[in-house]
Amino acid sequence: MPLLAYGLLFLWGGMFVGIYTVMMGVVGNRFRGGDLVSVYSVMSTACGIGAFVDPGATGMAMNLPPPGFPILQLLPAPCS
């Protein structure tokens, strides 16, 4: 059922972007000053690590038997 799997991926991607946006707003409301800078730094570092690891993991998943790639894409990414 590839059509269903890719439809789910599309919806998941849209939901994650919304969750990330709300999370940034919540962090901005809860932290101030140096704490806010620290939290944003950790979030940026996690985003960078995800951006570094994800292309290689995606390439390896594409070589797995089905449904390797769609399963990898269902995992949440560290940043949008």
PDB file of N, CA and C in Angstrom:
ATOM      1  N   MET A   1       0.819  -1.171   0.000  1.00  0.00           N
ATOM      2  CA  MET A   1       0.000   0.000   0.000  1.00  0.00           C
ATOM      3  C   MET A   1       0.876   1.252   0.000  1.00  0.00           C
ATOM      4  N   PRO A   2       1.698   1.406  -1.048  1.00  0.00           N
ATOM      5  CA  PRO A   2       2.598   2.558  -1.076  1.00  0.00           C
ATOM      6  C   PRO A   2       1.880   3.898  -1.078  1.00  0.00           C
ATOM      7  N   LEU A   3       0.739   3.982  -1.729  1.00  0.00           N
ATOM      8  CA  LEU A   3       0.025   5.252  -1.781  1.00  0.00           C
ATOM      9  C   LEU A   3      -0.378   5.704  -0.376  1.00  0.00           C
ATOM     10  N   LEU A   4      -0.853   4.775   0.423  1.00  0.00           N
ATOM     11  CA  LEU A   4      -1.218   5.090   1.801  1.00  0.00           C
ATOM     12  C   LEU A   4       0.014   5.511   2.610  1.00  0.00           C
ATOM     13  N   ALA A   5       1.131   4.804   2.416  1.00  0.00           N
ATOM     14  CA  ALA A   5       2.353   5.122   3.164  1.00  0.00           C
ATOM     15  C   ALA A   5       2.855   6.526   2.819  1.00  0.00           C
ATOM     16  N   TYR A   6       2.878   6.862   1.536  1.00  0.00           N
ATOM     17  CA  TYR A   6       3.379   8.176   1.162  1.00  0.00           C
ATOM     18  C   TYR A   6       2.398   9.287   1.537  1.00  0.00           C
ATOM     19  N   GLY A   7       1.110   9.007   1.541  1.00  0.00           N
ATOM     20  CA  GLY A   7       0.135   9.976   2.043  1.00  0.00           C
ATOM     21  C   GLY A   7       0.348  10.255   3.516  1.00  0.00           C
ATOM     22  N   LEU A   8       0.643   9.186   4.274  1.00  0.00           N
ATOM     23  CA  LEU A   8       0.921   9.342   5.697  1.00  0.00           C
ATOM     24  C   LEU A   8       2.194  10.155   5.911  1.00  0.00           C
ATOM     25  N   LEU A   9       3.206   9.924   5.086  1.00  0.00           N
ATOM     26  CA  LEU A   9       4.439  10.710   5.194  1.00  0.00           C
ATOM     27  C   LEU A   9       4.176  12.189   4.952  1.00  0.00           C
ATOM     28  N   PHE A  10       3.328  12.482   3.973  1.00  0.00           N
ATOM     29  CA  PHE A  10       2.983  13.869   3.672  1.00  0.00           C
ATOM     30  C   PHE A  10       2.309  14.526   4.871  1.00  0.00           C
ATOM     31  N   LEU A  11       1.350  13.838   5.469  1.00  0.00           N
ATOM     32  CA  LEU A  11       0.648  14.386   6.637  1.00  0.00           C
ATOM     33  C   LEU A  11       1.584  14.531   7.835  1.00  0.00           C
ATOM     34  N   TRP A  12       2.438  13.532   8.043  1.00  0.00           N
ATOM     35  CA  TRP A  12       3.374  13.577   9.169  1.00  0.00           C
ATOM     36  C   TRP A  12       4.316  14.768   9.036  1.00  0.00           C
ATOM     37  N   GLY A  13       4.815  15.013   7.828  1.00  0.00           N
ATOM     38  CA  GLY A  13       5.694  16.158   7.608  1.00  0.00           C
ATOM     39  C   GLY A  13       5.005  17.469   7.936  1.00  0.00           C
ATOM     40  N   GLY A  14       3.758  17.619   7.520  1.00  0.00           N
ATOM     41  CA  GLY A  14       3.006  18.835   7.822  1.00  0.00           C
ATOM     42  C   GLY A  14       2.753  19.004   9.308  1.00  0.00           C
ATOM     43  N   MET A  15       2.451  17.905   9.992  1.00  0.00           N
ATOM     44  CA  MET A  15       2.218  17.989  11.436  1.00  0.00           C
ATOM     45  C   MET A  15       3.502  18.335  12.167  1.00  0.00           C
ATOM     46  N   PHE A  16       4.636  17.781  11.719  1.00  0.00           N
ATOM     47  CA  PHE A  16       5.884  18.050  12.411  1.00  0.00           C
ATOM     48  C   PHE A  16       6.268  19.521  12.305  1.00  0.00           C
ATOM     49  N   VAL A  17       6.057  20.117  11.145  1.00  0.00           N
ATOM     50  CA  VAL A  17       6.380  21.536  10.991  1.00  0.00           C
ATOM     51  C   VAL A  17       5.531  22.363  11.958  1.00  0.00           C
ATOM     52  N   GLY A  18       4.267  22.018  12.112  1.00  0.00           N
ATOM     53  CA  GLY A  18       3.405  22.723  13.057  1.00  0.00           C
ATOM     54  C   GLY A  18       3.849  22.528  14.493  1.00  0.00           C
ATOM     55  N   ILE A  19       4.230  21.310  14.839  1.00  0.00           N
ATOM     56  CA  ILE A  19       4.694  21.027  16.199  1.00  0.00           C
ATOM     57  C   ILE A  19       5.980  21.800  16.491  1.00  0.00           C
ATOM     58  N   TYR A  20       6.887  21.840  15.529  1.00  0.00           N
ATOM     59  CA  TYR A  20       8.155  22.556  15.713  1.00  0.00           C
ATOM     60  C   TYR A  20       7.906  24.044  15.930  1.00  0.00           C
ATOM     61  N   THR A  21       6.983  24.621  15.173  1.00  0.00           N
ATOM     62  CA  THR A  21       6.672  26.042  15.311  1.00  0.00           C
ATOM     63  C   THR A  21       6.087  26.340  16.694  1.00  0.00           C
ATOM     64  N   VAL A  22       5.172  25.510  17.152  1.00  0.00           N
ATOM     65  CA  VAL A  22       4.582  25.693  18.483  1.00  0.00           C
ATOM     66  C   VAL A  22       5.651  25.527  19.555  1.00  0.00           C
ATOM     67  N   MET A  23       6.541  24.542  19.380  1.00  0.00           N
ATOM     68  CA  MET A  23       7.605  24.305  20.349  1.00  0.00           C
ATOM     69  C   MET A  23       8.511  25.533  20.471  1.00  0.00           C
ATOM     70  N   MET A  24       8.826  26.170  19.349  1.00  0.00           N
ATOM     71  CA  MET A  24       9.668  27.364  19.401  1.00  0.00           C
ATOM     72  C   MET A  24       8.968  28.489  20.173  1.00  0.00           C
ATOM     73  N   GLY A  25       7.672  28.624  19.998  1.00  0.00           N
ATOM     74  CA  GLY A  25       6.919  29.630  20.736  1.00  0.00           C
ATOM     75  C   GLY A  25       6.884  29.344  22.226  1.00  0.00           C
ATOM     76  N   VAL A  26       6.693  28.082  22.595  1.00  0.00           N
ATOM     77  CA  VAL A  26       6.655  27.697  24.003  1.00  0.00           C
ATOM     78  C   VAL A  26       8.007  27.948  24.657  1.00  0.00           C
ATOM     79  N   VAL A  27       9.074  27.587  23.967  1.00  0.00           N
ATOM     80  CA  VAL A  27      10.415  27.818  24.510  1.00  0.00           C
ATOM     81  C   VAL A  27      10.645  29.318  24.709  1.00  0.00           C
ATOM     82  N   GLY A  28      10.204  30.130  23.746  1.00  0.00           N
ATOM     83  CA  GLY A  28      10.357  31.581  23.872  1.00  0.00           C
ATOM     84  C   GLY A  28       9.586  32.159  25.037  1.00  0.00           C
ATOM     85  N   ASN A  29       8.447  31.552  25.379  1.00  0.00           N
ATOM     86  CA  ASN A  29       7.650  32.036  26.510  1.00  0.00           C
ATOM     87  C   ASN A  29       8.179  31.569  27.854  1.00  0.00           C
ATOM     88  N   ARG A  30       8.808  30.397  27.902  1.00  0.00           N
ATOM     89  CA  ARG A  30       9.234  29.824  29.185  1.00  0.00           C
ATOM     90  C   ARG A  30      10.616  30.269  29.634  1.00  0.00           C
ATOM     91  N   PHE A  31      11.484  30.601  28.705  1.00  0.00           N
ATOM     92  CA  PHE A  31      12.863  30.918  29.053  1.00  0.00           C
ATOM     93  C   PHE A  31      13.179  32.362  28.701  1.00  0.00           C
ATOM     94  N   ARG A  32      14.090  32.946  29.454  1.00  0.00           N
ATOM     95  CA  ARG A  32      14.508  34.333  29.235  1.00  0.00           C
ATOM     96  C   ARG A  32      16.030  34.413  29.349  1.00  0.00           C
ATOM     97  N   GLY A  33      16.575  35.410  28.728  1.00  0.00           N
ATOM     98  CA  GLY A  33      17.996  35.717  28.873  1.00  0.00           C
ATOM     99  C   GLY A  33      18.914  34.601  28.423  1.00  0.00           C
ATOM    100  N   GLY A  34      19.875  34.291  29.284  1.00  0.00           N
ATOM    101  CA  GLY A  34      20.876  33.270  28.967  1.00  0.00           C
ATOM    102  C   GLY A  34      20.285  31.881  28.805  1.00  0.00           C
ATOM    103  N   ASP A  35      19.228  31.601  29.572  1.00  0.00           N
ATOM    104  CA  ASP A  35      18.592  30.291  29.438  1.00  0.00           C
ATOM    105  C   ASP A  35      17.983  30.117  28.049  1.00  0.00           C
ATOM    106  N   LEU A  36      17.386  31.176  27.532  1.00  0.00           N
ATOM    107  CA  LEU A  36      16.792  31.113  26.198  1.00  0.00           C
ATOM    108  C   LEU A  36      17.861  30.852  25.144  1.00  0.00           C
ATOM    109  N   VAL A  37      18.983  31.525  25.277  1.00  0.00           N
ATOM    110  CA  VAL A  37      20.082  31.321  24.337  1.00  0.00           C
ATOM    111  C   VAL A  37      20.590  29.885  24.419  1.00  0.00           C
ATOM    112  N   SER A  38      20.691  29.343  25.636  1.00  0.00           N
ATOM    113  CA  SER A  38      21.161  27.971  25.816  1.00  0.00           C
ATOM    114  C   SER A  38      20.209  26.959  25.178  1.00  0.00           C
ATOM    115  N   VAL A  39      18.922  27.147  25.381  1.00  0.00           N
ATOM    116  CA  VAL A  39      17.938  26.221  24.812  1.00  0.00           C
ATOM    117  C   VAL A  39      17.975  26.281  23.289  1.00  0.00           C
ATOM    118  N   TYR A  40      18.031  27.470  22.735  1.00  0.00           N
ATOM    119  CA  TYR A  40      18.096  27.595  21.277  1.00  0.00           C
ATOM    120  C   TYR A  40      19.395  27.006  20.735  1.00  0.00           C
ATOM    121  N   SER A  41      20.488  27.124  21.488  1.00  0.00           N
ATOM    122  CA  SER A  41      21.759  26.531  21.057  1.00  0.00           C
ATOM    123  C   SER A  41      21.670  25.015  20.997  1.00  0.00           C
ATOM    124  N   VAL A  42      21.064  24.422  22.015  1.00  0.00           N
ATOM    125  CA  VAL A  42      20.898  22.961  22.020  1.00  0.00           C
ATOM    126  C   VAL A  42      19.996  22.523  20.864  1.00  0.00           C
ATOM    127  N   MET A  43      18.928  23.268  20.617  1.00  0.00           N
ATOM    128  CA  MET A  43      18.030  22.925  19.520  1.00  0.00           C
ATOM    129  C   MET A  43      18.740  23.052  18.174  1.00  0.00           C
ATOM    130  N   SER A  44      19.568  24.070  18.015  1.00  0.00           N
ATOM    131  CA  SER A  44      20.318  24.239  16.767  1.00  0.00           C
ATOM    132  C   SER A  44      21.349  23.133  16.591  1.00  0.00           C
ATOM    133  N   THR A  45      21.985  22.719  17.679  1.00  0.00           N
ATOM    134  CA  THR A  45      22.958  21.632  17.609  1.00  0.00           C
ATOM    135  C   THR A  45      22.268  20.335  17.212  1.00  0.00           C
ATOM    136  N   ALA A  46      21.120  20.052  17.805  1.00  0.00           N
ATOM    137  CA  ALA A  46      20.364  18.845  17.442  1.00  0.00           C
ATOM    138  C   ALA A  46      19.955  18.888  15.979  1.00  0.00           C
ATOM    139  N   CYS A  47      19.575  20.047  15.497  1.00  0.00           N
ATOM    140  CA  CYS A  47      19.197  20.209  14.098  1.00  0.00           C
ATOM    141  C   CYS A  47      20.397  19.946  13.195  1.00  0.00           C
ATOM    142  N   GLY A  48      21.555  20.455  13.563  1.00  0.00           N
ATOM    143  CA  GLY A  48      22.762  20.243  12.777  1.00  0.00           C
ATOM    144  C   GLY A  48      23.185  18.785  12.739  1.00  0.00           C
ATOM    145  N   ILE A  49      23.096  18.115  13.874  1.00  0.00           N
ATOM    146  CA  ILE A  49      23.437  16.690  13.922  1.00  0.00           C
ATOM    147  C   ILE A  49      22.476  15.900  13.044  1.00  0.00           C
ATOM    148  N   GLY A  50      21.203  16.226  13.123  1.00  0.00           N
ATOM    149  CA  GLY A  50      20.219  15.550  12.287  1.00  0.00           C
ATOM    150  C   GLY A  50      20.460  15.795  10.809  1.00  0.00           C
ATOM    151  N   ALA A  51      20.829  17.027  10.457  1.00  0.00           N
ATOM    152  CA  ALA A  51      21.112  17.352   9.061  1.00  0.00           C
ATOM    153  C   ALA A  51      22.359  16.635   8.567  1.00  0.00           C
ATOM    154  N   PHE A  52      23.289  16.320   9.458  1.00  0.00           N
ATOM    155  CA  PHE A  52      24.505  15.609   9.080  1.00  0.00           C
ATOM    156  C   PHE A  52      24.257  14.103   8.942  1.00  0.00           C
ATOM    157  N   VAL A  53      23.477  13.528   9.851  1.00  0.00           N
ATOM    158  CA  VAL A  53      23.270  12.081   9.890  1.00  0.00           C
ATOM    159  C   VAL A  53      22.186  11.629   8.911  1.00  0.00           C
ATOM    160  N   ASP A  54      21.154  12.421   8.726  1.00  0.00           N
ATOM    161  CA  ASP A  54      19.985  11.988   7.958  1.00  0.00           C
ATOM    162  C   ASP A  54      20.285  11.611   6.504  1.00  0.00           C
ATOM    163  N   PRO A  55      21.088  12.352   5.744  1.00  0.00           N
ATOM    164  CA  PRO A  55      21.323  11.936   4.357  1.00  0.00           C
ATOM    165  C   PRO A  55      21.967  10.555   4.243  1.00  0.00           C
ATOM    166  N   GLY A  56      22.924  10.257   5.101  1.00  0.00           N
ATOM    167  CA  GLY A  56      23.555   8.928   5.075  1.00  0.00           C
ATOM    168  C   GLY A  56      22.597   7.831   5.484  1.00  0.00           C
ATOM    169  N   ALA A  57      21.803   8.104   6.516  1.00  0.00           N
ATOM    170  CA  ALA A  57      20.825   7.107   6.958  1.00  0.00           C
ATOM    171  C   ALA A  57      19.769   6.876   5.891  1.00  0.00           C
ATOM    172  N   THR A  58      19.375   7.932   5.208  1.00  0.00           N
ATOM    173  CA  THR A  58      18.389   7.795   4.135  1.00  0.00           C
ATOM    174  C   THR A  58      18.963   6.976   2.985  1.00  0.00           C
ATOM    175  N   GLY A  59      20.226   7.231   2.628  1.00  0.00           N
ATOM    176  CA  GLY A  59      20.861   6.455   1.569  1.00  0.00           C
ATOM    177  C   GLY A  59      20.948   4.984   1.914  1.00  0.00           C
ATOM    178  N   MET A  60      21.281   4.675   3.162  1.00  0.00           N
ATOM    179  CA  MET A  60      21.333   3.264   3.569  1.00  0.00           C
ATOM    180  C   MET A  60      19.940   2.655   3.562  1.00  0.00           C
ATOM    181  N   ALA A  61      18.934   3.413   3.987  1.00  0.00           N
ATOM    182  CA  ALA A  61      17.571   2.883   4.035  1.00  0.00           C
ATOM    183  C   ALA A  61      17.030   2.604   2.638  1.00  0.00           C
ATOM    184  N   MET A  62      17.489   3.372   1.651  1.00  0.00           N
ATOM    185  CA  MET A  62      17.018   3.142   0.287  1.00  0.00           C
ATOM    186  C   MET A  62      17.515   1.807  -0.262  1.00  0.00           C
ATOM    187  N   ASN A  63      18.598   1.277   0.315  1.00  0.00           N
ATOM    188  CA  ASN A  63      19.115  -0.015  -0.106  1.00  0.00           C
ATOM    189  C   ASN A  63      18.491  -1.178   0.645  1.00  0.00           C
ATOM    190  N   LEU A  64      17.706  -0.905   1.666  1.00  0.00           N
ATOM    191  CA  LEU A  64      17.031  -1.964   2.412  1.00  0.00           C
ATOM    192  C   LEU A  64      15.841  -2.467   1.616  1.00  0.00           C
ATOM    193  N   PRO A  65      15.458  -3.705   1.872  1.00  0.00           N
ATOM    194  CA  PRO A  65      14.246  -4.186   1.196  1.00  0.00           C
ATOM    195  C   PRO A  65      13.037  -3.390   1.675  1.00  0.00           C
ATOM    196  N   PRO A  66      12.003  -3.308   0.839  1.00  0.00           N
ATOM    197  CA  PRO A  66      10.814  -2.537   1.239  1.00  0.00           C
ATOM    198  C   PRO A  66      10.274  -3.047   2.559  1.00  0.00           C
ATOM    199  N   PRO A  67       9.814  -2.203   3.386  1.00  0.00           N
ATOM    200  CA  PRO A  67       9.624  -0.754   3.294  1.00  0.00           C
ATOM    201  C   PRO A  67      10.679   0.018   4.058  1.00  0.00           C
ATOM    202  N   GLY A  68      11.950  -0.205   3.809  1.00  0.00           N
ATOM    203  CA  GLY A  68      13.028   0.457   4.550  1.00  0.00           C
ATOM    204  C   GLY A  68      12.969   1.968   4.510  1.00  0.00           C
ATOM    205  N   PHE A  69      12.844   2.539   3.334  1.00  0.00           N
ATOM    206  CA  PHE A  69      12.840   3.995   3.204  1.00  0.00           C
ATOM    207  C   PHE A  69      11.616   4.633   3.848  1.00  0.00           C
ATOM    208  N   PRO A  70      10.386   4.152   3.581  1.00  0.00           N
ATOM    209  CA  PRO A  70       9.232   4.778   4.232  1.00  0.00           C
ATOM    210  C   PRO A  70       9.268   4.679   5.757  1.00  0.00           C
ATOM    211  N   ILE A  71       9.794   3.583   6.286  1.00  0.00           N
ATOM    212  CA  ILE A  71       9.874   3.459   7.741  1.00  0.00           C
ATOM    213  C   ILE A  71      10.836   4.508   8.293  1.00  0.00           C
ATOM    214  N   LEU A  72      11.972   4.716   7.633  1.00  0.00           N
ATOM    215  CA  LEU A  72      12.919   5.737   8.079  1.00  0.00           C
ATOM    216  C   LEU A  72      12.259   7.113   8.063  1.00  0.00           C
ATOM    217  N   GLN A  73      11.466   7.406   7.073  1.00  0.00           N
ATOM    218  CA  GLN A  73      10.848   8.715   6.967  1.00  0.00           C
ATOM    219  C   GLN A  73       9.764   8.942   8.012  1.00  0.00           C
ATOM    220  N   LEU A  74       9.255   7.895   8.617  1.00  0.00           N
ATOM    221  CA  LEU A  74       8.256   8.059   9.677  1.00  0.00           C
ATOM    222  C   LEU A  74       8.889   8.483  10.993  1.00  0.00           C
ATOM    223  N   LEU A  75      10.202   8.316  11.129  1.00  0.00           N
ATOM    224  CA  LEU A  75      10.869   8.731  12.356  1.00  0.00           C
ATOM    225  C   LEU A  75      10.927  10.252  12.393  1.00  0.00           C
ATOM    226  N   PRO A  76      10.698  10.857  13.553  1.00  0.00           N
ATOM    227  CA  PRO A  76      10.710  12.319  13.621  1.00  0.00           C
ATOM    228  C   PRO A  76      12.117  12.875  13.424  1.00  0.00           C
ATOM    229  N   ALA A  77      12.192  13.955  12.722  1.00  0.00           N
ATOM    230  CA  ALA A  77      13.468  14.634  12.496  1.00  0.00           C
ATOM    231  C   ALA A  77      13.707  15.637  13.613  1.00  0.00           C
ATOM    232  N   PRO A  78      14.973  15.974  13.901  1.00  0.00           N
ATOM    233  CA  PRO A  78      15.235  16.911  14.970  1.00  0.00           C
ATOM    234  C   PRO A  78      14.844  18.342  14.649  1.00  0.00           C
ATOM    235  N   CYS A  79      14.697  18.669  13.413  1.00  0.00           N
ATOM    236  CA  CYS A  79      14.278  20.025  13.049  1.00  0.00           C
ATOM    237  C   CYS A  79      13.554  19.972  11.716  1.00  0.00           C
ATOM    238  N   SER A  80      12.826  21.017  11.446  1.00  0.00           N
ATOM    239  CA  SER A  80      12.067  21.025  10.193  1.00  0.00           C
ATOM    240  C   SER A  80      12.869  21.578   9.060  1.00  0.00           C
TER     241      SER A  80
END
